[in-house]
């Protein structure tokens, strides 16, 4: 199946040119002319990469990049007409994978896009879930914040993975028991709430005001998609 690209660009002539060129190279391309329209598409649909203009009519590309990176690791190629190197540095620091100054040759755009897609595919094989500063390494069975490992039991790690893989969905206590039932658990400590409390102590900046694992009263817990 052809890879899907979201182009966020407010110049209609440039957007048409890029859409036609990438389409001719075998990609499926969606176009958004504003930052908010692009973010709405990212929330609703899956894209393999974003081509993001820095200068947009509503919010700039840096802010779009920041918001996308809060919940997704979709590769981002940033387009910039600005000559200020600081903008490019900020873009990379906020999570852009590469940048391309305007004006550009379509062949160079295609080459850079292919490169970031290859890197993303290679990185996906590492089996690491990313949520802002939080990393969940399923191969190493380790949870890290800012690169530092946080102590969790095997069962607590299984709970984190179960919630993170379903980020944004409310999971009842029964549902959590069900998805981690293959894990060893102390027969005298079967309370999900106790384990959630210990998970929060390990991964939340302020366990009393959690922003990663959130209680939904009367329903269960939800793992936040957007995290710092």
N, C-alpha and C. Protein backbone atom coordinates (compact mmCIF):
# COMPACT_ATOMS: atom_id res chain seq x y z
N UNK A 1 0.84 -1.19 0.00
CA UNK A 1 0.00 0.00 0.00
C UNK A 1 0.88 1.25 0.00
N UNK A 2 0.47 2.25 -0.78
CA UNK A 2 1.26 3.48 -0.89
C UNK A 2 1.31 4.22 0.44
N UNK A 3 2.47 4.79 0.74
CA UNK A 3 2.62 5.55 1.98
C UNK A 3 1.87 6.87 1.87
N UNK A 4 1.30 7.28 3.01
CA UNK A 4 0.47 8.50 3.04
C UNK A 4 1.30 9.66 3.57
N UNK A 5 1.22 10.78 2.87
CA UNK A 5 1.94 11.98 3.24
C UNK A 5 0.94 13.11 3.46
N UNK A 6 1.10 13.84 4.54
CA UNK A 6 0.30 15.05 4.77
C UNK A 6 1.17 16.27 4.50
N UNK A 7 0.76 17.08 3.55
CA UNK A 7 1.44 18.33 3.23
C UNK A 7 0.66 19.48 3.86
N UNK A 8 1.30 20.23 4.74
CA UNK A 8 0.67 21.40 5.37
C UNK A 8 1.35 22.64 4.78
N UNK A 9 0.69 23.26 3.83
CA UNK A 9 1.28 24.34 3.03
C UNK A 9 0.17 25.27 2.57
N UNK A 10 0.34 26.59 2.80
CA UNK A 10 -0.73 27.53 2.45
C UNK A 10 -0.58 28.13 1.05
N UNK A 11 0.53 27.92 0.37
CA UNK A 11 0.72 28.41 -0.99
C UNK A 11 0.09 27.39 -1.95
N UNK A 12 -1.06 27.73 -2.56
CA UNK A 12 -1.77 26.72 -3.36
C UNK A 12 -0.98 26.23 -4.57
N UNK A 13 -0.19 27.11 -5.19
CA UNK A 13 0.57 26.67 -6.36
C UNK A 13 1.68 25.69 -5.96
N UNK A 14 2.39 26.00 -4.87
CA UNK A 14 3.43 25.10 -4.39
C UNK A 14 2.82 23.78 -3.91
N UNK A 15 1.69 23.88 -3.21
CA UNK A 15 1.03 22.67 -2.71
C UNK A 15 0.63 21.76 -3.87
N UNK A 16 0.12 22.34 -4.94
CA UNK A 16 -0.27 21.54 -6.11
C UNK A 16 0.93 20.86 -6.73
N UNK A 17 2.04 21.62 -6.86
CA UNK A 17 3.25 21.07 -7.45
C UNK A 17 3.78 19.89 -6.64
N UNK A 18 3.85 20.07 -5.31
CA UNK A 18 4.36 19.01 -4.44
C UNK A 18 3.42 17.80 -4.46
N UNK A 19 2.12 18.07 -4.41
CA UNK A 19 1.14 16.98 -4.43
C UNK A 19 1.28 16.16 -5.72
N UNK A 20 1.39 16.85 -6.85
CA UNK A 20 1.52 16.15 -8.13
C UNK A 20 2.82 15.37 -8.21
N UNK A 21 3.91 15.97 -7.74
CA UNK A 21 5.22 15.30 -7.85
C UNK A 21 5.28 14.07 -6.95
N UNK A 22 4.84 14.22 -5.70
CA UNK A 22 4.87 13.08 -4.79
C UNK A 22 3.86 12.01 -5.22
N UNK A 23 2.73 12.46 -5.74
CA UNK A 23 1.76 11.50 -6.26
C UNK A 23 2.33 10.69 -7.41
N UNK A 24 3.09 11.37 -8.28
CA UNK A 24 3.73 10.68 -9.39
C UNK A 24 4.80 9.71 -8.94
N UNK A 25 5.34 9.93 -7.73
CA UNK A 25 6.36 9.03 -7.17
C UNK A 25 5.74 7.88 -6.39
N UNK A 26 4.41 7.82 -6.37
CA UNK A 26 3.74 6.68 -5.74
C UNK A 26 3.18 6.92 -4.36
N UNK A 27 3.23 8.16 -3.85
CA UNK A 27 2.69 8.46 -2.53
C UNK A 27 1.24 8.94 -2.64
N UNK A 28 0.49 8.71 -1.58
CA UNK A 28 -0.85 9.28 -1.46
C UNK A 28 -0.73 10.55 -0.63
N UNK A 29 -1.14 11.66 -1.18
CA UNK A 29 -0.90 12.96 -0.55
C UNK A 29 -2.22 13.65 -0.18
N UNK A 30 -2.31 14.08 1.09
CA UNK A 30 -3.37 14.97 1.54
C UNK A 30 -2.78 16.35 1.77
N UNK A 31 -3.57 17.40 1.51
CA UNK A 31 -3.08 18.76 1.66
C UNK A 31 -3.95 19.51 2.65
N UNK A 32 -3.31 20.22 3.59
CA UNK A 32 -4.00 21.14 4.50
C UNK A 32 -3.36 22.51 4.33
N UNK A 33 -4.18 23.56 4.29
CA UNK A 33 -3.65 24.91 4.02
C UNK A 33 -3.42 25.73 5.28
N UNK A 34 -3.79 25.17 6.45
CA UNK A 34 -3.55 25.86 7.72
C UNK A 34 -3.02 24.86 8.74
N UNK A 35 -2.41 25.40 9.79
CA UNK A 35 -1.90 24.54 10.85
C UNK A 35 -3.00 23.79 11.57
N UNK A 36 -4.09 24.49 11.88
CA UNK A 36 -5.18 23.84 12.60
C UNK A 36 -5.83 22.74 11.76
N UNK A 37 -5.98 22.97 10.46
CA UNK A 37 -6.55 21.94 9.59
C UNK A 37 -5.63 20.72 9.54
N UNK A 38 -4.31 20.97 9.49
CA UNK A 38 -3.36 19.87 9.49
C UNK A 38 -3.41 19.07 10.76
N UNK A 39 -3.47 19.76 11.90
CA UNK A 39 -3.53 19.06 13.19
C UNK A 39 -4.80 18.23 13.31
N UNK A 40 -5.91 18.74 12.80
CA UNK A 40 -7.16 17.99 12.84
C UNK A 40 -7.04 16.70 12.03
N UNK A 41 -6.38 16.76 10.87
CA UNK A 41 -6.18 15.56 10.06
C UNK A 41 -5.27 14.56 10.77
N UNK A 42 -4.23 15.07 11.42
CA UNK A 42 -3.31 14.18 12.15
C UNK A 42 -4.03 13.45 13.26
N UNK A 43 -4.98 14.13 13.91
CA UNK A 43 -5.73 13.50 15.00
C UNK A 43 -6.65 12.41 14.49
N UNK A 44 -7.20 12.59 13.28
CA UNK A 44 -8.21 11.66 12.77
C UNK A 44 -7.63 10.51 11.97
N UNK A 45 -6.50 10.73 11.31
CA UNK A 45 -6.02 9.76 10.33
C UNK A 45 -4.53 9.45 10.56
N UNK A 46 -4.10 8.33 9.97
CA UNK A 46 -2.69 7.95 10.06
C UNK A 46 -1.95 8.45 8.83
N UNK A 47 -0.78 9.07 9.06
CA UNK A 47 0.10 9.48 7.98
C UNK A 47 1.50 8.92 8.25
N UNK A 48 2.18 8.56 7.19
CA UNK A 48 3.53 8.02 7.33
C UNK A 48 4.57 9.12 7.48
N UNK A 49 4.24 10.34 7.02
CA UNK A 49 5.16 11.47 7.17
C UNK A 49 4.39 12.77 6.95
N UNK A 50 4.94 13.85 7.52
CA UNK A 50 4.39 15.19 7.32
C UNK A 50 5.43 16.05 6.60
N UNK A 51 4.97 16.81 5.60
CA UNK A 51 5.79 17.86 4.99
C UNK A 51 5.15 19.17 5.45
N UNK A 52 5.87 19.92 6.26
CA UNK A 52 5.28 21.02 7.04
C UNK A 52 5.96 22.34 6.74
N UNK A 53 5.17 23.31 6.24
CA UNK A 53 5.69 24.65 6.00
C UNK A 53 5.85 25.40 7.32
N UNK A 54 6.92 26.14 7.45
CA UNK A 54 7.15 26.90 8.67
C UNK A 54 6.20 28.08 8.80
N UNK A 55 5.92 28.75 7.68
CA UNK A 55 5.09 29.95 7.67
C UNK A 55 3.67 29.59 7.27
N UNK A 56 2.75 29.63 8.23
CA UNK A 56 1.35 29.31 7.98
C UNK A 56 0.48 30.49 8.42
N UNK A 57 -0.74 30.59 7.91
CA UNK A 57 -1.55 31.79 8.19
C UNK A 57 -2.13 31.85 9.60
N UNK A 58 -2.23 30.72 10.29
CA UNK A 58 -2.84 30.75 11.63
C UNK A 58 -1.81 30.53 12.73
N UNK A 59 -1.27 29.31 12.84
CA UNK A 59 -0.19 29.04 13.78
C UNK A 59 1.01 28.59 12.96
N UNK A 60 2.21 28.91 13.44
CA UNK A 60 3.37 28.60 12.60
C UNK A 60 3.75 27.12 12.71
N UNK A 61 4.62 26.71 11.78
CA UNK A 61 5.01 25.32 11.70
C UNK A 61 5.70 24.81 12.95
N UNK A 62 6.40 25.68 13.66
CA UNK A 62 7.06 25.27 14.89
C UNK A 62 6.03 24.79 15.93
N UNK A 63 4.94 25.53 16.03
CA UNK A 63 3.89 25.15 16.98
C UNK A 63 3.19 23.87 16.53
N UNK A 64 2.97 23.73 15.23
CA UNK A 64 2.37 22.49 14.71
C UNK A 64 3.28 21.30 15.03
N UNK A 65 4.57 21.48 14.79
CA UNK A 65 5.55 20.42 15.07
C UNK A 65 5.52 20.03 16.54
N UNK A 66 5.49 21.02 17.40
CA UNK A 66 5.46 20.77 18.85
C UNK A 66 4.23 19.97 19.25
N UNK A 67 3.07 20.34 18.69
CA UNK A 67 1.83 19.65 19.06
C UNK A 67 1.79 18.23 18.52
N UNK A 68 2.29 18.03 17.32
CA UNK A 68 2.34 16.67 16.76
C UNK A 68 3.25 15.80 17.62
N UNK A 69 4.42 16.34 17.98
CA UNK A 69 5.40 15.57 18.75
C UNK A 69 4.92 15.24 20.16
N UNK A 70 3.92 15.97 20.65
CA UNK A 70 3.42 15.68 21.99
C UNK A 70 2.77 14.30 22.07
N UNK A 71 2.32 13.76 20.91
CA UNK A 71 1.63 12.48 20.97
C UNK A 71 2.03 11.49 19.88
N UNK A 72 2.82 11.93 18.89
CA UNK A 72 3.15 11.06 17.77
C UNK A 72 4.60 11.20 17.35
N UNK A 73 5.11 10.13 16.76
CA UNK A 73 6.48 10.15 16.25
C UNK A 73 6.50 10.16 14.72
N UNK A 74 5.43 10.64 14.11
CA UNK A 74 5.36 10.74 12.65
C UNK A 74 6.53 11.56 12.13
N UNK A 75 7.29 11.06 11.15
CA UNK A 75 8.41 11.83 10.60
C UNK A 75 7.94 13.17 10.03
N UNK A 76 8.73 14.22 10.28
CA UNK A 76 8.37 15.57 9.84
C UNK A 76 9.52 16.17 9.05
N UNK A 77 9.20 16.59 7.82
CA UNK A 77 10.14 17.35 6.99
C UNK A 77 9.63 18.78 6.94
N UNK A 78 10.40 19.71 7.48
CA UNK A 78 9.97 21.09 7.58
C UNK A 78 10.48 21.91 6.40
N UNK A 79 9.59 22.72 5.81
CA UNK A 79 9.95 23.63 4.72
C UNK A 79 10.06 25.03 5.29
N UNK A 80 11.13 25.73 4.97
CA UNK A 80 11.31 27.08 5.50
C UNK A 80 11.83 28.04 4.44
N UNK A 81 11.17 29.22 4.39
CA UNK A 81 11.64 30.28 3.50
C UNK A 81 12.48 31.28 4.27
N UNK A 82 12.52 31.11 5.58
CA UNK A 82 13.29 32.04 6.41
C UNK A 82 14.78 31.74 6.31
N UNK A 83 15.57 32.79 6.38
CA UNK A 83 17.01 32.59 6.31
C UNK A 83 17.65 32.41 7.67
N UNK A 84 16.87 32.61 8.73
CA UNK A 84 17.41 32.54 10.08
C UNK A 84 17.69 31.08 10.48
N UNK A 85 18.95 30.78 10.75
CA UNK A 85 19.31 29.42 11.13
C UNK A 85 18.64 29.00 12.43
N UNK A 86 18.30 29.98 13.28
CA UNK A 86 17.68 29.66 14.57
C UNK A 86 16.34 28.96 14.39
N UNK A 87 15.59 29.34 13.33
CA UNK A 87 14.32 28.68 13.07
C UNK A 87 14.53 27.21 12.75
N UNK A 88 15.55 26.93 11.97
CA UNK A 88 15.83 25.54 11.61
C UNK A 88 16.27 24.75 12.84
N UNK A 89 17.09 25.39 13.67
CA UNK A 89 17.55 24.73 14.90
C UNK A 89 16.36 24.44 15.82
N UNK A 90 15.46 25.44 15.97
CA UNK A 90 14.28 25.25 16.81
C UNK A 90 13.40 24.13 16.27
N UNK A 91 13.25 24.09 14.96
CA UNK A 91 12.46 23.02 14.35
C UNK A 91 13.01 21.65 14.67
N UNK A 92 14.31 21.50 14.55
CA UNK A 92 14.94 20.22 14.86
C UNK A 92 14.83 19.89 16.34
N UNK A 93 14.98 20.91 17.20
CA UNK A 93 14.87 20.68 18.64
C UNK A 93 13.45 20.29 19.05
N UNK A 94 12.45 20.81 18.31
CA UNK A 94 11.06 20.50 18.63
C UNK A 94 10.62 19.16 18.05
N UNK A 95 11.49 18.54 17.24
CA UNK A 95 11.18 17.20 16.78
C UNK A 95 11.12 17.00 15.29
N UNK A 96 11.38 18.06 14.49
CA UNK A 96 11.42 17.86 13.04
C UNK A 96 12.60 16.94 12.70
N UNK A 97 12.41 16.08 11.71
CA UNK A 97 13.46 15.13 11.35
C UNK A 97 14.45 15.72 10.35
N UNK A 98 13.99 16.70 9.57
CA UNK A 98 14.86 17.33 8.58
C UNK A 98 14.19 18.64 8.15
N UNK A 99 14.95 19.50 7.49
CA UNK A 99 14.36 20.73 6.95
C UNK A 99 14.89 20.95 5.55
N UNK A 100 14.11 21.71 4.78
CA UNK A 100 14.47 21.99 3.39
C UNK A 100 14.16 23.45 3.11
N UNK A 101 15.18 24.26 2.79
CA UNK A 101 14.92 25.68 2.51
C UNK A 101 14.20 25.87 1.18
N UNK A 102 13.32 26.86 1.13
CA UNK A 102 12.69 27.27 -0.13
C UNK A 102 13.58 28.32 -0.81
N UNK A 103 13.57 28.37 -2.14
CA UNK A 103 12.96 27.42 -3.07
C UNK A 103 13.77 26.13 -3.13
N UNK A 104 13.14 25.04 -3.52
CA UNK A 104 13.82 23.75 -3.56
C UNK A 104 13.45 23.01 -4.85
N UNK A 105 14.28 22.06 -5.18
CA UNK A 105 14.00 21.19 -6.32
C UNK A 105 13.12 20.04 -5.84
N UNK A 106 12.07 19.70 -6.58
CA UNK A 106 11.21 18.58 -6.17
C UNK A 106 11.98 17.28 -5.94
N UNK A 107 13.03 17.07 -6.72
CA UNK A 107 13.82 15.84 -6.55
C UNK A 107 14.50 15.80 -5.19
N UNK A 108 14.95 16.96 -4.72
CA UNK A 108 15.58 16.99 -3.39
C UNK A 108 14.54 16.74 -2.30
N UNK A 109 13.35 17.32 -2.46
CA UNK A 109 12.27 17.06 -1.51
C UNK A 109 11.98 15.56 -1.43
N UNK A 110 11.88 14.92 -2.57
CA UNK A 110 11.60 13.49 -2.61
C UNK A 110 12.72 12.69 -1.94
N UNK A 111 13.97 13.06 -2.21
CA UNK A 111 15.10 12.35 -1.62
C UNK A 111 15.10 12.48 -0.10
N UNK A 112 14.83 13.68 0.40
CA UNK A 112 14.83 13.89 1.85
C UNK A 112 13.65 13.17 2.50
N UNK A 113 12.51 13.17 1.81
CA UNK A 113 11.35 12.47 2.34
C UNK A 113 11.62 10.97 2.43
N UNK A 114 12.19 10.41 1.38
CA UNK A 114 12.53 8.98 1.41
C UNK A 114 13.49 8.66 2.55
N UNK A 115 14.43 9.57 2.80
CA UNK A 115 15.43 9.34 3.85
C UNK A 115 14.79 9.30 5.23
N UNK A 116 13.88 10.24 5.52
CA UNK A 116 13.27 10.23 6.85
C UNK A 116 12.30 9.06 7.01
N UNK A 117 11.67 8.64 5.93
CA UNK A 117 10.81 7.46 6.00
C UNK A 117 11.62 6.20 6.29
N UNK A 118 12.81 6.09 5.65
CA UNK A 118 13.68 4.94 5.91
C UNK A 118 14.12 4.91 7.37
N UNK A 119 14.50 6.09 7.89
CA UNK A 119 14.94 6.15 9.28
C UNK A 119 13.81 5.77 10.23
N UNK A 120 12.60 6.22 9.91
CA UNK A 120 11.45 5.91 10.78
C UNK A 120 11.16 4.42 10.77
N UNK A 121 11.26 3.80 9.61
CA UNK A 121 11.01 2.36 9.53
C UNK A 121 12.06 1.57 10.30
N UNK A 122 13.30 2.03 10.24
CA UNK A 122 14.36 1.37 11.00
C UNK A 122 14.14 1.55 12.50
N UNK A 123 13.72 2.76 12.90
CA UNK A 123 13.49 3.03 14.32
C UNK A 123 12.31 2.26 14.87
N UNK A 124 11.31 1.99 14.03
CA UNK A 124 10.12 1.27 14.49
C UNK A 124 10.47 -0.13 14.94
N UNK A 125 11.54 -0.69 14.37
CA UNK A 125 11.93 -2.05 14.72
C UNK A 125 12.52 -2.14 16.13
N UNK A 126 12.82 -0.99 16.74
CA UNK A 126 13.40 -1.01 18.08
C UNK A 126 12.37 -1.33 19.16
N UNK A 127 11.05 -1.27 18.79
CA UNK A 127 10.01 -1.64 19.73
C UNK A 127 9.98 -0.73 20.96
N UNK A 128 10.15 0.57 20.73
CA UNK A 128 10.10 1.54 21.81
C UNK A 128 8.92 2.48 21.57
N UNK A 129 8.08 2.65 22.62
CA UNK A 129 6.97 3.59 22.55
C UNK A 129 7.44 4.92 23.11
N UNK A 130 7.12 6.02 22.41
CA UNK A 130 7.56 7.36 22.83
C UNK A 130 6.35 8.23 23.16
N UNK A 131 6.41 8.86 24.32
CA UNK A 131 5.38 9.81 24.74
C UNK A 131 6.08 11.01 25.36
N UNK A 132 6.50 11.95 24.53
CA UNK A 132 7.25 13.09 25.05
C UNK A 132 8.52 12.64 25.72
N UNK A 133 8.69 12.99 27.01
CA UNK A 133 9.90 12.63 27.76
C UNK A 133 9.90 11.16 28.19
N UNK A 134 8.77 10.50 28.05
CA UNK A 134 8.61 9.11 28.51
C UNK A 134 8.86 8.13 27.38
N UNK A 135 9.70 7.13 27.64
CA UNK A 135 9.96 6.05 26.68
C UNK A 135 9.62 4.73 27.35
N UNK A 136 8.96 3.85 26.59
CA UNK A 136 8.64 2.52 27.08
C UNK A 136 9.31 1.52 26.13
N UNK A 137 10.37 0.90 26.62
CA UNK A 137 11.17 -0.02 25.81
C UNK A 137 10.69 -1.45 26.08
N UNK A 138 9.92 -1.99 25.13
CA UNK A 138 9.33 -3.31 25.35
C UNK A 138 10.36 -4.42 25.29
N UNK A 139 11.41 -4.22 24.49
CA UNK A 139 12.45 -5.25 24.41
C UNK A 139 13.26 -5.33 25.71
N UNK A 140 13.63 -4.16 26.22
CA UNK A 140 14.42 -4.13 27.47
C UNK A 140 13.54 -4.22 28.71
N UNK A 141 12.20 -4.16 28.51
CA UNK A 141 11.24 -4.14 29.62
C UNK A 141 11.62 -3.04 30.61
N UNK A 142 11.74 -1.84 30.05
CA UNK A 142 12.21 -0.71 30.85
C UNK A 142 11.41 0.54 30.49
N UNK A 143 11.10 1.32 31.51
CA UNK A 143 10.45 2.62 31.33
C UNK A 143 11.47 3.70 31.69
N UNK A 144 11.60 4.69 30.79
CA UNK A 144 12.60 5.75 31.02
C UNK A 144 11.95 7.12 30.88
N UNK A 145 12.41 8.05 31.71
CA UNK A 145 12.02 9.46 31.58
C UNK A 145 13.31 10.26 31.44
N UNK A 146 13.39 11.02 30.35
CA UNK A 146 14.62 11.77 30.03
C UNK A 146 15.82 10.83 30.01
N UNK A 147 15.61 9.59 29.59
CA UNK A 147 16.69 8.62 29.46
C UNK A 147 17.02 7.86 30.72
N UNK A 148 16.43 8.25 31.85
CA UNK A 148 16.72 7.59 33.13
C UNK A 148 15.65 6.53 33.42
N UNK A 149 16.09 5.31 33.71
CA UNK A 149 15.16 4.21 33.97
C UNK A 149 14.40 4.44 35.28
N UNK A 150 13.13 4.08 35.28
CA UNK A 150 12.29 4.17 36.47
C UNK A 150 11.91 2.76 36.93
N UNK A 151 12.00 2.48 38.22
CA UNK A 151 11.78 1.11 38.71
C UNK A 151 10.30 0.72 38.67
N UNK A 152 10.00 -0.40 38.02
CA UNK A 152 8.66 -0.97 38.00
C UNK A 152 8.78 -2.49 38.09
N UNK A 153 7.81 -3.13 38.73
CA UNK A 153 7.78 -4.58 38.74
C UNK A 153 7.36 -5.07 37.35
N UNK A 154 7.50 -6.37 37.13
CA UNK A 154 7.11 -6.96 35.86
C UNK A 154 5.62 -6.71 35.57
N UNK A 155 4.81 -6.84 36.59
CA UNK A 155 3.37 -6.65 36.41
C UNK A 155 3.05 -5.19 36.12
N UNK A 156 3.71 -4.29 36.84
CA UNK A 156 3.48 -2.86 36.60
C UNK A 156 3.93 -2.45 35.19
N UNK A 157 5.04 -3.04 34.74
CA UNK A 157 5.49 -2.75 33.38
C UNK A 157 4.45 -3.23 32.37
N UNK A 158 3.89 -4.42 32.60
CA UNK A 158 2.86 -4.95 31.71
C UNK A 158 1.64 -4.04 31.68
N UNK A 159 1.27 -3.49 32.82
CA UNK A 159 0.15 -2.55 32.88
C UNK A 159 0.45 -1.28 32.07
N UNK A 160 1.66 -0.74 32.22
CA UNK A 160 2.04 0.46 31.47
C UNK A 160 1.96 0.20 29.97
N UNK A 161 2.50 -0.93 29.53
CA UNK A 161 2.47 -1.26 28.11
C UNK A 161 1.03 -1.39 27.62
N UNK A 162 0.21 -2.10 28.40
CA UNK A 162 -1.19 -2.30 28.02
C UNK A 162 -1.91 -0.97 27.84
N UNK A 163 -1.68 -0.02 28.75
CA UNK A 163 -2.33 1.28 28.66
C UNK A 163 -1.73 2.13 27.54
N UNK A 164 -0.40 2.11 27.42
CA UNK A 164 0.26 2.94 26.41
C UNK A 164 -0.10 2.52 25.00
N UNK A 165 -0.24 1.21 24.79
CA UNK A 165 -0.61 0.72 23.46
C UNK A 165 -2.06 1.06 23.12
N UNK A 166 -2.82 1.47 24.12
CA UNK A 166 -4.21 1.88 23.92
C UNK A 166 -4.40 3.32 24.37
N UNK A 167 -3.38 4.13 24.20
CA UNK A 167 -3.40 5.52 24.67
C UNK A 167 -4.64 6.25 24.14
N UNK A 168 -5.27 7.00 25.05
CA UNK A 168 -6.46 7.74 24.67
C UNK A 168 -7.76 6.98 24.91
N UNK A 169 -7.66 5.67 25.19
CA UNK A 169 -8.85 4.85 25.44
C UNK A 169 -8.99 4.61 26.94
N UNK A 170 -10.21 4.75 27.45
CA UNK A 170 -10.47 4.44 28.86
C UNK A 170 -10.54 2.93 29.02
N UNK A 171 -9.77 2.41 29.98
CA UNK A 171 -9.73 0.98 30.26
C UNK A 171 -10.24 0.74 31.68
N UNK A 172 -11.24 -0.12 31.79
CA UNK A 172 -11.76 -0.47 33.11
C UNK A 172 -10.75 -1.34 33.84
N UNK A 173 -10.95 -1.51 35.13
CA UNK A 173 -10.07 -2.39 35.90
C UNK A 173 -10.16 -3.83 35.38
N UNK A 174 -11.37 -4.26 35.04
CA UNK A 174 -11.53 -5.63 34.51
C UNK A 174 -10.79 -5.78 33.19
N UNK A 175 -10.85 -4.75 32.35
CA UNK A 175 -10.15 -4.82 31.06
C UNK A 175 -8.64 -4.90 31.27
N UNK A 176 -8.13 -4.17 32.24
CA UNK A 176 -6.70 -4.21 32.53
C UNK A 176 -6.29 -5.58 33.08
N UNK A 177 -7.11 -6.13 33.98
CA UNK A 177 -6.83 -7.49 34.46
C UNK A 177 -6.74 -8.46 33.29
N UNK A 178 -7.67 -8.29 32.34
CA UNK A 178 -7.75 -9.23 31.23
C UNK A 178 -6.53 -9.15 30.32
N UNK A 179 -6.08 -7.92 30.00
CA UNK A 179 -4.98 -7.80 29.03
C UNK A 179 -3.64 -8.19 29.62
N UNK A 180 -3.50 -8.19 30.93
CA UNK A 180 -2.22 -8.57 31.53
C UNK A 180 -2.32 -9.88 32.31
N UNK A 181 -3.34 -10.68 32.03
CA UNK A 181 -3.57 -11.88 32.83
C UNK A 181 -2.47 -12.92 32.70
N UNK A 182 -1.64 -12.82 31.66
CA UNK A 182 -0.55 -13.77 31.51
C UNK A 182 0.65 -13.46 32.37
N UNK A 183 0.65 -12.31 33.04
CA UNK A 183 1.78 -11.90 33.86
C UNK A 183 1.67 -12.49 35.27
N UNK A 184 2.83 -12.81 35.84
CA UNK A 184 2.85 -13.29 37.23
C UNK A 184 2.43 -12.17 38.16
N UNK A 185 1.57 -12.48 39.10
CA UNK A 185 1.10 -11.47 40.05
C UNK A 185 0.98 -12.08 41.44
N UNK A 186 1.32 -11.31 42.42
CA UNK A 186 1.20 -11.75 43.80
C UNK A 186 -0.28 -11.98 44.12
N UNK A 187 -0.62 -13.19 44.54
CA UNK A 187 -2.02 -13.53 44.80
C UNK A 187 -2.62 -12.68 45.90
N UNK A 188 -1.79 -12.10 46.76
CA UNK A 188 -2.29 -11.30 47.86
C UNK A 188 -2.34 -9.81 47.53
N UNK A 189 -2.00 -9.47 46.30
CA UNK A 189 -2.01 -8.05 45.91
C UNK A 189 -2.55 -7.94 44.50
N UNK A 190 -3.87 -8.06 44.37
CA UNK A 190 -4.49 -8.06 43.06
C UNK A 190 -5.16 -6.72 42.74
N UNK A 191 -4.88 -5.70 43.52
CA UNK A 191 -5.54 -4.41 43.31
C UNK A 191 -4.85 -3.62 42.20
N UNK A 192 -5.58 -3.37 41.12
CA UNK A 192 -5.06 -2.52 40.04
C UNK A 192 -4.74 -1.14 40.59
N UNK A 193 -5.58 -0.65 41.49
CA UNK A 193 -5.37 0.71 42.02
C UNK A 193 -4.03 0.85 42.72
N UNK A 194 -3.64 -0.20 43.45
CA UNK A 194 -2.34 -0.15 44.14
C UNK A 194 -1.22 -0.08 43.11
N UNK A 195 -1.29 -0.88 42.09
CA UNK A 195 -0.25 -0.87 41.06
C UNK A 195 -0.21 0.46 40.31
N UNK A 196 -1.39 1.02 40.02
CA UNK A 196 -1.43 2.31 39.33
C UNK A 196 -0.77 3.39 40.19
N UNK A 197 -1.03 3.32 41.49
CA UNK A 197 -0.42 4.29 42.41
C UNK A 197 1.11 4.19 42.35
N UNK A 198 1.63 2.97 42.30
CA UNK A 198 3.09 2.78 42.25
C UNK A 198 3.66 3.19 40.90
N UNK A 199 2.88 2.94 39.85
CA UNK A 199 3.31 3.39 38.52
C UNK A 199 3.41 4.91 38.49
N UNK A 200 2.41 5.57 39.05
CA UNK A 200 2.45 7.03 39.08
C UNK A 200 3.64 7.56 39.88
N UNK A 201 3.93 6.89 40.99
CA UNK A 201 5.09 7.31 41.78
C UNK A 201 6.38 7.22 40.97
N UNK A 202 6.41 6.28 40.02
CA UNK A 202 7.62 6.09 39.23
C UNK A 202 7.71 7.01 38.03
N UNK A 203 6.58 7.32 37.38
CA UNK A 203 6.67 8.01 36.09
C UNK A 203 6.05 9.41 36.06
N UNK A 204 5.28 9.77 37.08
CA UNK A 204 4.66 11.10 37.08
C UNK A 204 5.58 12.12 37.73
N UNK A 205 5.59 13.35 37.21
CA UNK A 205 6.34 14.43 37.86
C UNK A 205 5.72 14.76 39.21
N UNK A 206 4.38 14.73 39.27
CA UNK A 206 3.66 14.94 40.52
C UNK A 206 2.60 13.85 40.62
N UNK A 207 2.87 12.76 41.35
CA UNK A 207 1.92 11.63 41.41
C UNK A 207 0.54 12.02 41.93
N UNK A 208 0.45 13.10 42.72
CA UNK A 208 -0.84 13.53 43.25
C UNK A 208 -1.67 14.28 42.20
N UNK A 209 -1.00 14.76 41.16
CA UNK A 209 -1.69 15.41 40.04
C UNK A 209 -1.20 14.78 38.74
N UNK A 210 -1.59 13.53 38.51
CA UNK A 210 -1.05 12.77 37.36
C UNK A 210 -1.46 13.37 36.02
N UNK A 211 -0.52 13.33 35.07
CA UNK A 211 -0.79 13.81 33.72
C UNK A 211 -0.55 12.72 32.68
N UNK A 212 -0.03 11.59 33.14
CA UNK A 212 0.22 10.48 32.21
C UNK A 212 -0.83 9.38 32.36
N UNK A 213 -1.07 8.94 33.59
CA UNK A 213 -2.09 7.92 33.85
C UNK A 213 -3.21 8.60 34.63
N UNK A 214 -4.34 8.79 33.96
CA UNK A 214 -5.42 9.62 34.50
C UNK A 214 -6.61 8.75 34.89
N UNK A 215 -7.17 9.03 36.07
CA UNK A 215 -8.37 8.32 36.52
C UNK A 215 -9.60 8.93 35.87
N UNK A 216 -10.46 8.06 35.32
CA UNK A 216 -11.77 8.48 34.82
C UNK A 216 -12.80 7.91 35.79
N UNK A 217 -13.36 8.79 36.61
CA UNK A 217 -14.20 8.37 37.72
C UNK A 217 -15.33 7.45 37.25
N UNK A 218 -15.43 6.31 37.91
CA UNK A 218 -16.49 5.37 37.60
C UNK A 218 -16.25 4.52 36.37
N UNK A 219 -15.11 4.74 35.68
CA UNK A 219 -14.88 4.02 34.42
C UNK A 219 -13.55 3.27 34.41
N UNK A 220 -12.50 3.87 34.96
CA UNK A 220 -11.20 3.21 34.94
C UNK A 220 -10.07 4.20 34.77
N UNK A 221 -9.14 3.87 33.88
CA UNK A 221 -7.95 4.70 33.67
C UNK A 221 -7.72 4.93 32.18
N UNK A 222 -7.08 6.06 31.89
CA UNK A 222 -6.70 6.35 30.51
C UNK A 222 -5.25 6.84 30.50
N UNK A 223 -4.49 6.34 29.56
CA UNK A 223 -3.10 6.77 29.37
C UNK A 223 -3.12 7.93 28.39
N UNK A 224 -2.60 9.08 28.80
CA UNK A 224 -2.70 10.29 27.98
C UNK A 224 -1.86 10.17 26.71
N UNK A 225 -2.43 10.54 25.57
CA UNK A 225 -1.68 10.55 24.32
C UNK A 225 -0.63 11.65 24.33
N UNK A 226 -1.05 12.87 24.70
CA UNK A 226 -0.15 14.02 24.68
C UNK A 226 0.52 14.14 26.05
N UNK A 227 1.86 14.10 26.05
CA UNK A 227 2.60 14.19 27.30
C UNK A 227 3.80 15.09 27.09
N UNK A 228 4.27 15.67 28.18
CA UNK A 228 5.44 16.55 28.10
C UNK A 228 6.71 15.71 28.11
